[in-house]
PDB file of N, CA and C in Angstrom:
ATOM      1  N   MET A   1       0.186  20.726 -14.511  1.00  0.00           N
ATOM      2  CA  MET A   1      -0.965  21.088 -13.708  1.00  0.00           C
ATOM      3  C   MET A   1      -0.538  22.171 -12.714  1.00  0.00           C
ATOM      4  N   ASP A   2      -1.373  23.137 -12.474  1.00  0.00           N
ATOM      5  CA  ASP A   2      -1.100  24.222 -11.538  1.00  0.00           C
ATOM      6  C   ASP A   2      -1.484  23.783 -10.126  1.00  0.00           C
ATOM      7  N   TRP A   3      -0.486  23.308  -9.355  1.00  0.00           N
ATOM      8  CA  TRP A   3      -0.739  22.757  -8.030  1.00  0.00           C
ATOM      9  C   TRP A   3      -1.106  23.814  -6.996  1.00  0.00           C
ATOM     10  N   HIS A   4      -0.722  25.060  -7.200  1.00  0.00           N
ATOM     11  CA  HIS A   4      -0.968  26.106  -6.198  1.00  0.00           C
ATOM     12  C   HIS A   4      -2.443  26.453  -6.063  1.00  0.00           C
ATOM     13  N   ASN A   5      -3.194  26.385  -7.136  1.00  0.00           N
ATOM     14  CA  ASN A   5      -4.613  26.732  -7.089  1.00  0.00           C
ATOM     15  C   ASN A   5      -5.517  25.504  -7.070  1.00  0.00           C
ATOM     16  N   PHE A   6      -4.921  24.347  -6.921  1.00  0.00           N
ATOM     17  CA  PHE A   6      -5.688  23.119  -6.955  1.00  0.00           C
ATOM     18  C   PHE A   6      -6.356  22.887  -5.603  1.00  0.00           C
ATOM     19  N   ARG A   7      -7.583  22.463  -5.601  1.00  0.00           N
ATOM     20  CA  ARG A   7      -8.380  22.349  -4.381  1.00  0.00           C
ATOM     21  C   ARG A   7      -7.755  21.436  -3.327  1.00  0.00           C
ATOM     22  N   LEU A   8      -7.215  20.283  -3.732  1.00  0.00           N
ATOM     23  CA  LEU A   8      -6.622  19.349  -2.781  1.00  0.00           C
ATOM     24  C   LEU A   8      -5.431  19.993  -2.066  1.00  0.00           C
ATOM     25  N   THR A   9      -4.619  20.739  -2.788  1.00  0.00           N
ATOM     26  CA  THR A   9      -3.482  21.426  -2.179  1.00  0.00           C
ATOM     27  C   THR A   9      -3.948  22.453  -1.174  1.00  0.00           C
ATOM     28  N   THR A  10      -4.978  23.183  -1.503  1.00  0.00           N
ATOM     29  CA  THR A  10      -5.474  24.235  -0.626  1.00  0.00           C
ATOM     30  C   THR A  10      -6.075  23.648   0.644  1.00  0.00           C
ATOM     31  N   ARG A  11      -6.841  22.611   0.532  1.00  0.00           N
ATOM     32  CA  ARG A  11      -7.523  22.050   1.695  1.00  0.00           C
ATOM     33  C   ARG A  11      -6.610  21.242   2.593  1.00  0.00           C
ATOM     34  N   LEU A  12      -5.698  20.453   2.032  1.00  0.00           N
ATOM     35  CA  LEU A  12      -4.894  19.539   2.826  1.00  0.00           C
ATOM     36  C   LEU A  12      -3.438  19.976   2.986  1.00  0.00           C
ATOM     37  N   GLN A  13      -3.035  21.016   2.312  1.00  0.00           N
ATOM     38  CA  GLN A  13      -1.682  21.549   2.421  1.00  0.00           C
ATOM     39  C   GLN A  13      -0.606  20.530   2.032  1.00  0.00           C
ATOM     40  N   PHE A  14      -0.846  19.736   0.991  1.00  0.00           N
ATOM     41  CA  PHE A  14       0.138  18.792   0.494  1.00  0.00           C
ATOM     42  C   PHE A  14       1.008  19.464  -0.548  1.00  0.00           C
ATOM     43  N   SER A  15       2.248  19.007  -0.646  1.00  0.00           N
ATOM     44  CA  SER A  15       3.137  19.501  -1.689  1.00  0.00           C
ATOM     45  C   SER A  15       2.722  18.886  -3.026  1.00  0.00           C
ATOM     46  N   GLY A  16       3.181  19.471  -4.101  1.00  0.00           N
ATOM     47  CA  GLY A  16       2.886  18.941  -5.430  1.00  0.00           C
ATOM     48  C   GLY A  16       3.349  17.509  -5.597  1.00  0.00           C
ATOM     49  N   GLU A  17       4.513  17.178  -5.003  1.00  0.00           N
ATOM     50  CA  GLU A  17       5.047  15.818  -5.080  1.00  0.00           C
ATOM     51  C   GLU A  17       4.108  14.807  -4.438  1.00  0.00           C
ATOM     52  N   VAL A  18       3.600  15.157  -3.264  1.00  0.00           N
ATOM     53  CA  VAL A  18       2.699  14.258  -2.541  1.00  0.00           C
ATOM     54  C   VAL A  18       1.389  14.091  -3.317  1.00  0.00           C
ATOM     55  N   ILE A  19       0.873  15.177  -3.837  1.00  0.00           N
ATOM     56  CA  ILE A  19      -0.376  15.111  -4.610  1.00  0.00           C
ATOM     57  C   ILE A  19      -0.185  14.252  -5.856  1.00  0.00           C
ATOM     58  N   GLU A  20       0.950  14.407  -6.510  1.00  0.00           N
ATOM     59  CA  GLU A  20       1.243  13.594  -7.695  1.00  0.00           C
ATOM     60  C   GLU A  20       1.265  12.113  -7.326  1.00  0.00           C
ATOM     61  N   ALA A  21       1.882  11.775  -6.194  1.00  0.00           N
ATOM     62  CA  ALA A  21       1.936  10.380  -5.733  1.00  0.00           C
ATOM     63  C   ALA A  21       0.535   9.868  -5.405  1.00  0.00           C
ATOM     64  N   LEU A  22      -0.287  10.717  -4.765  1.00  0.00           N
ATOM     65  CA  LEU A  22      -1.661  10.318  -4.442  1.00  0.00           C
ATOM     66  C   LEU A  22      -2.457  10.019  -5.705  1.00  0.00           C
ATOM     67  N   TYR A  23      -2.372  10.917  -6.675  1.00  0.00           N
ATOM     68  CA  TYR A  23      -3.130  10.698  -7.905  1.00  0.00           C
ATOM     69  C   TYR A  23      -2.609   9.501  -8.689  1.00  0.00           C
ATOM     70  N   SER A  24      -1.325   9.226  -8.592  1.00  0.00           N
ATOM     71  CA  SER A  24      -0.776   8.038  -9.237  1.00  0.00           C
ATOM     72  C   SER A  24      -1.359   6.782  -8.595  1.00  0.00           C
ATOM     73  N   SER A  25      -1.437   6.784  -7.259  1.00  0.00           N
ATOM     74  CA  SER A  25      -2.026   5.644  -6.547  1.00  0.00           C
ATOM     75  C   SER A  25      -3.505   5.496  -6.888  1.00  0.00           C
ATOM     76  N   ILE A  26      -4.216   6.597  -6.936  1.00  0.00           N
ATOM     77  CA  ILE A  26      -5.643   6.559  -7.270  1.00  0.00           C
ATOM     78  C   ILE A  26      -5.839   6.023  -8.688  1.00  0.00           C
ATOM     79  N   ALA A  27      -4.972   6.421  -9.616  1.00  0.00           N
ATOM     80  CA  ALA A  27      -5.073   5.935 -10.992  1.00  0.00           C
ATOM     81  C   ALA A  27      -4.836   4.430 -11.053  1.00  0.00           C
ATOM     82  N   GLU A  28      -3.878   3.939 -10.251  1.00  0.00           N
ATOM     83  CA  GLU A  28      -3.615   2.500 -10.221  1.00  0.00           C
ATOM     84  C   GLU A  28      -4.809   1.746  -9.646  1.00  0.00           C
ATOM     85  N   ILE A  29      -5.393   2.272  -8.587  1.00  0.00           N
ATOM     86  CA  ILE A  29      -6.580   1.660  -7.987  1.00  0.00           C
ATOM     87  C   ILE A  29      -7.726   1.646  -8.998  1.00  0.00           C
ATOM     88  N   ASP A  30      -7.889   2.743  -9.713  1.00  0.00           N
ATOM     89  CA  ASP A  30      -8.949   2.839 -10.710  1.00  0.00           C
ATOM     90  C   ASP A  30      -8.748   1.814 -11.831  1.00  0.00           C
ATOM     91  N   ALA A  31      -7.501   1.602 -12.229  1.00  0.00           N
ATOM     92  CA  ALA A  31      -7.214   0.619 -13.273  1.00  0.00           C
ATOM     93  C   ALA A  31      -7.581  -0.789 -12.808  1.00  0.00           C
ATOM     94  N   VAL A  32      -7.241  -1.118 -11.562  1.00  0.00           N
ATOM     95  CA  VAL A  32      -7.597  -2.428 -11.019  1.00  0.00           C
ATOM     96  C   VAL A  32      -9.116  -2.572 -10.954  1.00  0.00           C
ATOM     97  N   LYS A  33      -9.787  -1.499 -10.500  1.00  0.00           N
ATOM     98  CA  LYS A  33     -11.255  -1.528 -10.400  1.00  0.00           C
ATOM     99  C   LYS A  33     -11.884  -1.739 -11.774  1.00  0.00           C
ATOM    100  N   ASN A  34     -11.371  -1.047 -12.781  1.00  0.00           N
ATOM    101  CA  ASN A  34     -11.923  -1.191 -14.130  1.00  0.00           C
ATOM    102  C   ASN A  34     -11.674  -2.585 -14.695  1.00  0.00           C
ATOM    103  N   THR A  35     -10.497  -3.148 -14.418  1.00  0.00           N
ATOM    104  CA  THR A  35     -10.206  -4.514 -14.859  1.00  0.00           C
ATOM    105  C   THR A  35     -11.181  -5.486 -14.219  1.00  0.00           C
ATOM    106  N   PHE A  36     -11.415  -5.304 -12.914  1.00  0.00           N
ATOM    107  CA  PHE A  36     -12.352  -6.180 -12.212  1.00  0.00           C
ATOM    108  C   PHE A  36     -13.758  -6.017 -12.777  1.00  0.00           C
ATOM    109  N   ARG A  37     -14.146  -4.789 -13.040  1.00  0.00           N
ATOM    110  CA  ARG A  37     -15.495  -4.527 -13.570  1.00  0.00           C
ATOM    111  C   ARG A  37     -15.685  -5.214 -14.924  1.00  0.00           C
ATOM    112  N   LEU A  38     -14.635  -5.212 -15.751  1.00  0.00           N
ATOM    113  CA  LEU A  38     -14.742  -5.819 -17.082  1.00  0.00           C
ATOM    114  C   LEU A  38     -14.677  -7.342 -17.039  1.00  0.00           C
ATOM    115  N   THR A  39     -13.840  -7.879 -16.173  1.00  0.00           N
ATOM    116  CA  THR A  39     -13.624  -9.329 -16.180  1.00  0.00           C
ATOM    117  C   THR A  39     -14.282 -10.054 -15.015  1.00  0.00           C
ATOM    118  N   HIS A  40     -14.719  -9.318 -14.010  1.00  0.00           N
ATOM    119  CA  HIS A  40     -15.279  -9.896 -12.783  1.00  0.00           C
ATOM    120  C   HIS A  40     -14.288 -10.813 -12.083  1.00  0.00           C
ATOM    121  N   ALA A  41     -13.002 -10.550 -12.323  1.00  0.00           N
ATOM    122  CA  ALA A  41     -11.951 -11.314 -11.663  1.00  0.00           C
ATOM    123  C   ALA A  41     -10.686 -10.460 -11.621  1.00  0.00           C
ATOM    124  N   LEU A  42      -9.848 -10.745 -10.656  1.00  0.00           N
ATOM    125  CA  LEU A  42      -8.560 -10.064 -10.575  1.00  0.00           C
ATOM    126  C   LEU A  42      -7.463 -11.053 -10.939  1.00  0.00           C
ATOM    127  N   LEU A  43      -6.436 -10.544 -11.576  1.00  0.00           N
ATOM    128  CA  LEU A  43      -5.296 -11.386 -11.912  1.00  0.00           C
ATOM    129  C   LEU A  43      -4.608 -11.830 -10.627  1.00  0.00           C
ATOM    130  N   PRO A  44      -4.057 -13.028 -10.610  1.00  0.00           N
ATOM    131  CA  PRO A  44      -3.346 -13.500  -9.412  1.00  0.00           C
ATOM    132  C   PRO A  44      -2.234 -12.549  -8.969  1.00  0.00           C
ATOM    133  N   GLN A  45      -1.539 -11.937  -9.935  1.00  0.00           N
ATOM    134  CA  GLN A  45      -0.468 -10.994  -9.602  1.00  0.00           C
ATOM    135  C   GLN A  45      -1.026  -9.776  -8.876  1.00  0.00           C
ATOM    136  N   THR A  46      -2.204  -9.332  -9.290  1.00  0.00           N
ATOM    137  CA  THR A  46      -2.839  -8.176  -8.643  1.00  0.00           C
ATOM    138  C   THR A  46      -3.241  -8.518  -7.226  1.00  0.00           C
ATOM    139  N   ILE A  47      -3.813  -9.684  -7.034  1.00  0.00           N
ATOM    140  CA  ILE A  47      -4.211 -10.117  -5.690  1.00  0.00           C
ATOM    141  C   ILE A  47      -2.988 -10.223  -4.788  1.00  0.00           C
ATOM    142  N   GLU A  48      -1.909 -10.789  -5.301  1.00  0.00           N
ATOM    143  CA  GLU A  48      -0.676 -10.926  -4.511  1.00  0.00           C
ATOM    144  C   GLU A  48      -0.126  -9.548  -4.134  1.00  0.00           C
ATOM    145  N   ARG A  49      -0.111  -8.629  -5.087  1.00  0.00           N
ATOM    146  CA  ARG A  49       0.401  -7.271  -4.831  1.00  0.00           C
ATOM    147  C   ARG A  49      -0.473  -6.542  -3.814  1.00  0.00           C
ATOM    148  N   LEU A  50      -1.782  -6.665  -3.950  1.00  0.00           N
ATOM    149  CA  LEU A  50      -2.695  -6.026  -3.000  1.00  0.00           C
ATOM    150  C   LEU A  50      -2.562  -6.627  -1.606  1.00  0.00           C
ATOM    151  N   THR A  51      -2.423  -7.938  -1.534  1.00  0.00           N
ATOM    152  CA  THR A  51      -2.260  -8.610  -0.246  1.00  0.00           C
ATOM    153  C   THR A  51      -0.992  -8.137   0.449  1.00  0.00           C
ATOM    154  N   GLN A  52       0.092  -8.082  -0.290  1.00  0.00           N
ATOM    155  CA  GLN A  52       1.361  -7.626   0.283  1.00  0.00           C
ATOM    156  C   GLN A  52       1.241  -6.178   0.754  1.00  0.00           C
ATOM    157  N   SER A  53       0.595  -5.339  -0.033  1.00  0.00           N
ATOM    158  CA  SER A  53       0.422  -3.937   0.337  1.00  0.00           C
ATOM    159  C   SER A  53      -0.380  -3.797   1.624  1.00  0.00           C
ATOM    160  N   VAL A  54      -1.445  -4.575   1.744  1.00  0.00           N
ATOM    161  CA  VAL A  54      -2.279  -4.521   2.948  1.00  0.00           C
ATOM    162  C   VAL A  54      -1.490  -4.997   4.165  1.00  0.00           C
ATOM    163  N   ILE A  55      -0.734  -6.068   4.008  1.00  0.00           N
ATOM    164  CA  ILE A  55       0.061  -6.589   5.124  1.00  0.00           C
ATOM    165  C   ILE A  55       1.078  -5.549   5.584  1.00  0.00           C
ATOM    166  N   VAL A  56       1.782  -4.947   4.640  1.00  0.00           N
ATOM    167  CA  VAL A  56       2.818  -3.970   4.982  1.00  0.00           C
ATOM    168  C   VAL A  56       2.213  -2.730   5.638  1.00  0.00           C
ATOM    169  N   THR A  57       1.170  -2.168   5.032  1.00  0.00           N
ATOM    170  CA  THR A  57       0.615  -0.932   5.586  1.00  0.00           C
ATOM    171  C   THR A  57      -0.066  -1.156   6.930  1.00  0.00           C
ATOM    172  N   SER A  58      -0.776  -2.269   7.088  1.00  0.00           N
ATOM    173  CA  SER A  58      -1.441  -2.509   8.375  1.00  0.00           C
ATOM    174  C   SER A  58      -0.427  -2.856   9.464  1.00  0.00           C
ATOM    175  N   THR A  59       0.600  -3.628   9.118  1.00  0.00           N
ATOM    176  CA  THR A  59       1.647  -3.943  10.093  1.00  0.00           C
ATOM    177  C   THR A  59       2.397  -2.687  10.500  1.00  0.00           C
ATOM    178  N   GLY A  60       2.739  -1.855   9.511  1.00  0.00           N
ATOM    179  CA  GLY A  60       3.442  -0.606   9.819  1.00  0.00           C
ATOM    180  C   GLY A  60       2.613   0.300  10.707  1.00  0.00           C
ATOM    181  N   ALA A  61       1.339   0.464  10.388  1.00  0.00           N
ATOM    182  CA  ALA A  61       0.464   1.330  11.183  1.00  0.00           C
ATOM    183  C   ALA A  61       0.304   0.786  12.592  1.00  0.00           C
ATOM    184  N   SER A  62       0.121  -0.509  12.715  1.00  0.00           N
ATOM    185  CA  SER A  62      -0.042  -1.138  14.025  1.00  0.00           C
ATOM    186  C   SER A  62       1.209  -0.947  14.877  1.00  0.00           C
ATOM    187  N   ASN A  63       2.367  -1.124  14.270  1.00  0.00           N
ATOM    188  CA  ASN A  63       3.612  -0.949  15.014  1.00  0.00           C
ATOM    189  C   ASN A  63       3.846   0.504  15.410  1.00  0.00           C
ATOM    190  N   ARG A  64       3.461   1.435  14.556  1.00  0.00           N
ATOM    191  CA  ARG A  64       3.626   2.858  14.894  1.00  0.00           C
ATOM    192  C   ARG A  64       2.700   3.252  16.043  1.00  0.00           C
ATOM    193  N   VAL A  65       1.504   2.649  16.098  1.00  0.00           N
ATOM    194  CA  VAL A  65       0.602   2.916  17.219  1.00  0.00           C
ATOM    195  C   VAL A  65       1.279   2.491  18.527  1.00  0.00           C
ATOM    196  N   GLU A  66       2.057   1.417  18.463  1.00  0.00           N
ATOM    197  CA  GLU A  66       2.741   0.912  19.645  1.00  0.00           C
ATOM    198  C   GLU A  66       4.057   1.636  19.911  1.00  0.00           C
ATOM    199  N   GLY A  67       4.393   2.647  19.100  1.00  0.00           N
ATOM    200  CA  GLY A  67       5.599   3.437  19.346  1.00  0.00           C
ATOM    201  C   GLY A  67       6.793   3.077  18.493  1.00  0.00           C
ATOM    202  N   ASN A  68       6.675   2.096  17.617  1.00  0.00           N
ATOM    203  CA  ASN A  68       7.773   1.710  16.745  1.00  0.00           C
ATOM    204  C   ASN A  68       7.964   2.776  15.672  1.00  0.00           C
ATOM    205  N   LYS A  69       9.189   3.000  15.253  1.00  0.00           N
ATOM    206  CA  LYS A  69       9.482   4.058  14.280  1.00  0.00           C
ATOM    207  C   LYS A  69       9.728   3.538  12.863  1.00  0.00           C
ATOM    208  N   LEU A  70       9.448   2.274  12.597  1.00  0.00           N
ATOM    209  CA  LEU A  70       9.701   1.721  11.265  1.00  0.00           C
ATOM    210  C   LEU A  70       8.775   2.339  10.219  1.00  0.00           C
ATOM    211  N   SER A  71       9.348   2.684   9.077  1.00  0.00           N
ATOM    212  CA  SER A  71       8.535   3.170   7.955  1.00  0.00           C
ATOM    213  C   SER A  71       7.940   1.963   7.228  1.00  0.00           C
ATOM    214  N   ASP A  72       6.996   2.211   6.342  1.00  0.00           N
ATOM    215  CA  ASP A  72       6.414   1.114   5.564  1.00  0.00           C
ATOM    216  C   ASP A  72       7.472   0.438   4.699  1.00  0.00           C
ATOM    217  N   ASP A  73       8.442   1.211   4.194  1.00  0.00           N
ATOM    218  CA  ASP A  73       9.523   0.615   3.398  1.00  0.00           C
ATOM    219  C   ASP A  73      10.357  -0.342   4.240  1.00  0.00           C
ATOM    220  N   GLU A  74      10.631   0.030   5.495  1.00  0.00           N
ATOM    221  CA  GLU A  74      11.397  -0.847   6.385  1.00  0.00           C
ATOM    222  C   GLU A  74      10.584  -2.091   6.752  1.00  0.00           C
ATOM    223  N   VAL A  75       9.287  -1.916   6.980  1.00  0.00           N
ATOM    224  CA  VAL A  75       8.414  -3.062   7.271  1.00  0.00           C
ATOM    225  C   VAL A  75       8.398  -4.006   6.069  1.00  0.00           C
ATOM    226  N   GLU A  76       8.311  -3.441   4.868  1.00  0.00           N
ATOM    227  CA  GLU A  76       8.295  -4.266   3.658  1.00  0.00           C
ATOM    228  C   GLU A  76       9.591  -5.051   3.503  1.00  0.00           C
ATOM    229  N   ALA A  77      10.719  -4.405   3.805  1.00  0.00           N
ATOM    230  CA  ALA A  77      12.011  -5.106   3.732  1.00  0.00           C
ATOM    231  C   ALA A  77      12.056  -6.268   4.718  1.00  0.00           C
ATOM    232  N   LEU A  78      11.541  -6.058   5.920  1.00  0.00           N
ATOM    233  CA  LEU A  78      11.476  -7.144   6.901  1.00  0.00           C
ATOM    234  C   LEU A  78      10.538  -8.256   6.431  1.00  0.00           C
ATOM    235  N   TYR A  79       9.386  -7.857   5.904  1.00  0.00           N
ATOM    236  CA  TYR A  79       8.391  -8.824   5.423  1.00  0.00           C
ATOM    237  C   TYR A  79       8.981  -9.714   4.329  1.00  0.00           C
ATOM    238  N   LYS A  80       9.744  -9.101   3.421  1.00  0.00           N
ATOM    239  CA  LYS A  80      10.337  -9.865   2.321  1.00  0.00           C
ATOM    240  C   LYS A  80      11.448 -10.791   2.792  1.00  0.00           C
ATOM    241  N   SER A  81      12.062 -10.480   3.933  1.00  0.00           N
ATOM    242  CA  SER A  81      13.177 -11.299   4.397  1.00  0.00           C
ATOM    243  C   SER A  81      12.739 -12.422   5.346  1.00  0.00           C
ATOM    244  N   ILE A  82      11.473 -12.451   5.729  1.00  0.00           N
ATOM    245  CA  ILE A  82      10.979 -13.479   6.651  1.00  0.00           C
ATOM    246  C   ILE A  82      10.898 -14.827   5.943  1.00  0.00           C
ATOM    247  N   ARG A  83      11.452 -15.831   6.565  1.00  0.00           N
ATOM    248  CA  ARG A  83      11.364 -17.195   6.060  1.00  0.00           C
ATOM    249  C   ARG A  83      10.712 -18.035   7.146  1.00  0.00           C
ATOM    250  N   ILE A  84       9.570 -18.599   6.859  1.00  0.00           N
ATOM    251  CA  ILE A  84       8.866 -19.414   7.835  1.00  0.00           C
ATOM    252  C   ILE A  84       9.249 -20.869   7.609  1.00  0.00           C
ATOM    253  N   GLN A  85       9.742 -21.491   8.673  1.00  0.00           N
ATOM    254  CA  GLN A  85      10.135 -22.886   8.583  1.00  0.00           C
ATOM    255  C   GLN A  85       9.074 -23.748   9.245  1.00  0.00           C
ATOM    256  N   GLY A  86       8.905 -24.923   8.738  1.00  0.00           N
ATOM    257  CA  GLY A  86       7.930 -25.844   9.300  1.00  0.00           C
ATOM    258  C   GLY A  86       8.341 -26.300  10.690  1.00  0.00           C
ATOM    259  N   THR A  87       7.375 -26.670  11.476  1.00  0.00           N
ATOM    260  CA  THR A  87       7.651 -27.187  12.807  1.00  0.00           C
ATOM    261  C   THR A  87       7.067 -28.581  12.923  1.00  0.00           C
ATOM    262  N   SER A  88       7.635 -29.345  13.805  1.00  0.00           N
ATOM    263  CA  SER A  88       7.068 -30.684  14.035  1.00  0.00           C
ATOM    264  C   SER A  88       6.496 -30.695  15.443  1.00  0.00           C
ATOM    265  N   ILE A  89       5.328 -31.308  15.575  1.00  0.00           N
ATOM    266  CA  ILE A  89       4.652 -31.389  16.850  1.00  0.00           C
ATOM    267  C   ILE A  89       4.703 -32.853  17.296  1.00  0.00           C
ATOM    268  N   ASN A  90       5.274 -33.057  18.473  1.00  0.00           N
ATOM    269  CA  ASN A  90       5.361 -34.423  19.018  1.00  0.00           C
ATOM    270  C   ASN A  90       4.130 -34.689  19.872  1.00  0.00           C
ATOM    271  N   SER A  91       3.481 -35.820  19.647  1.00  0.00           N
ATOM    272  CA  SER A  91       2.284 -36.139  20.423  1.00  0.00           C
ATOM    273  C   SER A  91       2.663 -36.737  21.749  1.00  0.00           C
TER     274      SER A  91
END
């Protein structure tokens, strides 16, 4: 594809690599949407992947608003390493 004359490149000034990544993400979203449209349900694996993605991106964005410099990849690594232990409440 000729990225130099492509409208998205001209308007947003993204590199070809970034545009390729965007279109890859859009294609994945479209595939999930089409699966849902055909089956009226999402696979449990898809729901889990989407949930994790939302948690990572929203946590990363929220932390960056507060001045934290963690990337989404670093947030994801932290998220995967968290182990929640049960607590006991004494009455």
